[in-house]
């Protein structure tokens, strides 16, 4: 079974995950919070977020994150793991 078929968002209105505007207040913020609440209880949230990070910039809430949050994640340097050689 594909991870998307198990996603909690399948039972929701798709428009919920695409808030209009980028306001940090008002209806956009409320809609974003509602979408993220669905993601928090989703059994495939991690797979969704990984897919969204691999796919690159796109609108909407994916894996419980906004486009701006995903962009910030991709700008962070990856910490060196033990035994990993860094250039």
N, C-alpha and C. Protein backbone atom coordinates (compact mmCIF):
# COMPACT_ATOMS: atom_id res chain seq x y z
N UNK A 1 0.84 -1.18 0.00
CA UNK A 1 0.00 0.00 0.00
C UNK A 1 0.89 1.25 0.00
N UNK A 2 0.57 2.17 -0.83
CA UNK A 2 1.26 3.44 -0.92
C UNK A 2 1.02 4.26 0.34
N UNK A 3 2.03 4.98 0.84
CA UNK A 3 1.88 5.73 2.08
C UNK A 3 0.77 6.76 1.97
N UNK A 4 0.57 7.31 0.79
CA UNK A 4 -0.46 8.35 0.62
C UNK A 4 -1.87 7.81 0.88
N UNK A 5 -2.07 6.54 0.62
CA UNK A 5 -3.39 5.94 0.83
C UNK A 5 -3.73 5.82 2.32
N UNK A 6 -2.72 5.89 3.18
CA UNK A 6 -2.94 5.80 4.62
C UNK A 6 -2.95 7.16 5.30
N UNK A 7 -2.76 8.22 4.53
CA UNK A 7 -2.66 9.56 5.09
C UNK A 7 -3.99 10.05 5.67
N UNK A 8 -3.91 10.71 6.80
CA UNK A 8 -5.11 11.24 7.46
C UNK A 8 -5.80 12.30 6.61
N UNK A 9 -5.07 12.98 5.77
CA UNK A 9 -5.65 14.04 4.95
C UNK A 9 -6.62 13.51 3.89
N UNK A 10 -6.57 12.22 3.63
CA UNK A 10 -7.48 11.63 2.63
C UNK A 10 -8.95 11.85 3.00
N UNK A 11 -9.23 11.97 4.29
CA UNK A 11 -10.61 12.15 4.75
C UNK A 11 -10.99 13.62 4.90
N UNK A 12 -10.10 14.52 4.50
CA UNK A 12 -10.32 15.96 4.67
C UNK A 12 -10.49 16.65 3.32
N UNK A 13 -11.03 17.86 3.37
CA UNK A 13 -11.14 18.70 2.18
C UNK A 13 -9.73 19.12 1.78
N UNK A 14 -9.29 18.84 0.56
CA UNK A 14 -7.93 19.19 0.15
C UNK A 14 -7.62 20.69 0.29
N UNK A 15 -8.63 21.54 0.16
CA UNK A 15 -8.41 22.98 0.28
C UNK A 15 -7.88 23.37 1.65
N UNK A 16 -8.15 22.55 2.68
CA UNK A 16 -7.67 22.84 4.02
C UNK A 16 -6.14 22.97 4.03
N UNK A 17 -5.47 22.21 3.20
CA UNK A 17 -4.01 22.14 3.21
C UNK A 17 -3.34 23.18 2.31
N UNK A 18 -4.16 24.07 1.74
CA UNK A 18 -3.63 25.12 0.87
C UNK A 18 -4.21 26.46 1.28
N UNK A 19 -3.80 26.97 2.46
CA UNK A 19 -4.31 28.26 2.93
C UNK A 19 -3.99 29.37 1.95
N UNK A 20 -4.92 30.30 1.80
CA UNK A 20 -4.73 31.43 0.92
C UNK A 20 -4.02 32.53 1.71
N UNK A 21 -2.91 32.99 1.20
CA UNK A 21 -2.15 34.05 1.86
C UNK A 21 -1.04 33.49 2.73
N UNK A 22 -0.25 34.40 3.25
CA UNK A 22 0.88 34.01 4.09
C UNK A 22 0.85 34.76 5.41
N UNK A 23 -0.32 35.20 5.80
CA UNK A 23 -0.47 35.97 7.02
C UNK A 23 -0.20 35.12 8.25
N UNK A 24 0.41 35.73 9.25
CA UNK A 24 0.67 35.04 10.50
C UNK A 24 -0.48 35.26 11.49
N UNK A 25 -1.61 35.70 10.98
CA UNK A 25 -2.77 35.91 11.84
C UNK A 25 -4.05 35.74 11.02
N UNK A 26 -5.16 35.74 11.70
CA UNK A 26 -6.45 35.68 11.04
C UNK A 26 -6.77 34.33 10.45
N UNK A 27 -7.62 34.32 9.41
CA UNK A 27 -8.10 33.07 8.82
C UNK A 27 -7.00 32.17 8.28
N UNK A 28 -5.95 32.74 7.73
CA UNK A 28 -4.85 31.93 7.19
C UNK A 28 -4.18 31.14 8.30
N UNK A 29 -3.92 31.78 9.42
CA UNK A 29 -3.29 31.12 10.55
C UNK A 29 -4.19 30.03 11.11
N UNK A 30 -5.47 30.31 11.21
CA UNK A 30 -6.42 29.31 11.71
C UNK A 30 -6.45 28.09 10.80
N UNK A 31 -6.51 28.32 9.50
CA UNK A 31 -6.54 27.21 8.55
C UNK A 31 -5.24 26.41 8.60
N UNK A 32 -4.11 27.10 8.70
CA UNK A 32 -2.82 26.42 8.80
C UNK A 32 -2.77 25.55 10.05
N UNK A 33 -3.23 26.09 11.17
CA UNK A 33 -3.25 25.32 12.42
C UNK A 33 -4.15 24.11 12.32
N UNK A 34 -5.30 24.24 11.66
CA UNK A 34 -6.21 23.11 11.49
C UNK A 34 -5.58 22.02 10.61
N UNK A 35 -4.91 22.43 9.55
CA UNK A 35 -4.24 21.45 8.68
C UNK A 35 -3.13 20.74 9.43
N UNK A 36 -2.34 21.49 10.19
CA UNK A 36 -1.25 20.89 10.95
C UNK A 36 -1.77 19.93 12.01
N UNK A 37 -2.95 20.21 12.55
CA UNK A 37 -3.55 19.30 13.54
C UNK A 37 -3.86 17.95 12.91
N UNK A 38 -4.32 17.95 11.67
CA UNK A 38 -4.57 16.70 10.95
C UNK A 38 -3.24 15.96 10.78
N UNK A 39 -2.21 16.68 10.40
CA UNK A 39 -0.89 16.08 10.19
C UNK A 39 -0.33 15.47 11.48
N UNK A 40 -0.55 16.13 12.60
CA UNK A 40 0.00 15.62 13.86
C UNK A 40 -0.53 14.24 14.21
N UNK A 41 -1.73 13.92 13.78
CA UNK A 41 -2.28 12.60 14.09
C UNK A 41 -2.15 11.62 12.93
N UNK A 42 -1.40 12.00 11.92
CA UNK A 42 -1.26 11.18 10.72
C UNK A 42 -0.18 10.10 10.90
N UNK A 43 -0.50 8.86 10.53
CA UNK A 43 0.47 7.77 10.68
C UNK A 43 1.62 7.82 9.66
N UNK A 44 1.49 8.62 8.62
CA UNK A 44 2.54 8.68 7.60
C UNK A 44 3.13 10.08 7.47
N UNK A 45 3.07 10.83 8.53
CA UNK A 45 3.56 12.21 8.52
C UNK A 45 5.03 12.28 8.09
N UNK A 46 5.85 11.41 8.63
CA UNK A 46 7.28 11.44 8.29
C UNK A 46 7.53 11.16 6.81
N UNK A 47 6.80 10.21 6.25
CA UNK A 47 6.96 9.90 4.82
C UNK A 47 6.51 11.10 3.98
N UNK A 48 5.44 11.73 4.38
CA UNK A 48 4.92 12.89 3.66
C UNK A 48 5.93 14.03 3.69
N UNK A 49 6.48 14.30 4.86
CA UNK A 49 7.47 15.37 4.98
C UNK A 49 8.71 15.05 4.15
N UNK A 50 9.18 13.83 4.20
CA UNK A 50 10.35 13.45 3.40
C UNK A 50 10.07 13.64 1.92
N UNK A 51 8.88 13.25 1.48
CA UNK A 51 8.51 13.42 0.08
C UNK A 51 8.50 14.89 -0.29
N UNK A 52 7.92 15.73 0.57
CA UNK A 52 7.83 17.16 0.29
C UNK A 52 9.22 17.80 0.25
N UNK A 53 10.10 17.38 1.13
CA UNK A 53 11.47 17.93 1.12
C UNK A 53 12.21 17.51 -0.15
N UNK A 54 12.01 16.28 -0.59
CA UNK A 54 12.65 15.80 -1.82
C UNK A 54 12.07 16.49 -3.05
N UNK A 55 10.78 16.77 -3.02
CA UNK A 55 10.10 17.36 -4.19
C UNK A 55 10.51 18.80 -4.43
N UNK A 56 10.93 19.49 -3.39
CA UNK A 56 11.33 20.88 -3.54
C UNK A 56 10.18 21.84 -3.23
N UNK A 57 10.40 23.11 -3.50
CA UNK A 57 9.40 24.13 -3.14
C UNK A 57 8.04 23.85 -3.76
N UNK A 58 7.03 23.86 -2.89
CA UNK A 58 5.65 23.74 -3.36
C UNK A 58 4.73 24.31 -2.30
N UNK A 59 3.59 24.77 -2.74
CA UNK A 59 2.60 25.34 -1.84
C UNK A 59 1.97 24.27 -0.97
N UNK A 60 1.42 24.72 0.13
CA UNK A 60 0.60 23.85 0.95
C UNK A 60 1.30 23.30 2.17
N UNK A 61 0.48 22.63 2.98
CA UNK A 61 0.94 21.98 4.19
C UNK A 61 1.23 20.53 3.83
N UNK A 62 2.45 20.11 4.05
CA UNK A 62 2.89 18.73 3.77
C UNK A 62 3.68 18.25 4.98
N UNK A 63 3.34 17.11 5.50
CA UNK A 63 4.07 16.58 6.64
C UNK A 63 4.03 17.48 7.86
N UNK A 64 2.97 18.26 7.97
CA UNK A 64 2.81 19.15 9.11
C UNK A 64 3.64 20.42 9.05
N UNK A 65 4.12 20.78 7.86
CA UNK A 65 4.95 21.97 7.71
C UNK A 65 4.45 22.85 6.57
N UNK A 66 4.74 24.13 6.68
CA UNK A 66 4.42 25.07 5.60
C UNK A 66 5.59 25.10 4.62
N UNK A 67 5.39 25.74 3.50
CA UNK A 67 6.47 25.87 2.52
C UNK A 67 7.66 26.60 3.13
N UNK A 68 7.40 27.65 3.92
CA UNK A 68 8.48 28.41 4.54
C UNK A 68 9.24 27.54 5.56
N UNK A 69 8.53 26.73 6.31
CA UNK A 69 9.19 25.85 7.28
C UNK A 69 10.07 24.81 6.58
N UNK A 70 9.57 24.27 5.47
CA UNK A 70 10.39 23.30 4.72
C UNK A 70 11.61 23.96 4.11
N UNK A 71 11.46 25.18 3.63
CA UNK A 71 12.62 25.89 3.07
C UNK A 71 13.68 26.10 4.14
N UNK A 72 13.24 26.45 5.35
CA UNK A 72 14.19 26.63 6.45
C UNK A 72 14.89 25.33 6.79
N UNK A 73 14.18 24.21 6.71
CA UNK A 73 14.79 22.91 6.98
C UNK A 73 15.88 22.58 5.98
N UNK A 74 15.68 22.94 4.74
CA UNK A 74 16.66 22.59 3.70
C UNK A 74 17.86 23.52 3.73
N UNK A 75 17.74 24.69 4.38
CA UNK A 75 18.88 25.61 4.47
C UNK A 75 19.80 25.28 5.62
N UNK A 76 19.33 24.50 6.58
CA UNK A 76 20.15 24.17 7.74
C UNK A 76 21.26 23.20 7.35
N UNK A 77 22.46 23.43 7.87
CA UNK A 77 23.53 22.47 7.59
C UNK A 77 23.26 21.15 8.32
N UNK A 78 23.64 20.07 7.69
CA UNK A 78 23.47 18.74 8.28
C UNK A 78 24.62 18.52 9.24
N UNK A 79 24.32 18.22 10.51
CA UNK A 79 25.42 17.99 11.46
C UNK A 79 26.21 16.75 11.09
N UNK A 80 27.50 16.80 11.34
CA UNK A 80 28.37 15.65 11.05
C UNK A 80 28.05 14.52 12.00
N UNK A 81 27.95 13.31 11.48
CA UNK A 81 27.73 12.14 12.32
C UNK A 81 29.08 11.58 12.74
N UNK A 82 29.08 10.85 13.84
CA UNK A 82 30.34 10.22 14.26
C UNK A 82 30.88 9.33 13.14
N UNK A 83 32.14 9.48 12.85
CA UNK A 83 32.76 8.66 11.83
C UNK A 83 32.58 9.20 10.42
N UNK A 84 31.81 10.26 10.26
CA UNK A 84 31.59 10.84 8.94
C UNK A 84 32.70 11.83 8.63
N UNK A 85 33.23 11.74 7.45
CA UNK A 85 34.29 12.64 7.03
C UNK A 85 33.64 13.82 6.34
N UNK A 86 33.98 15.03 6.78
CA UNK A 86 33.44 16.22 6.16
C UNK A 86 34.56 16.92 5.41
N UNK A 87 34.24 17.49 4.25
CA UNK A 87 35.27 18.17 3.45
C UNK A 87 35.77 19.42 4.12
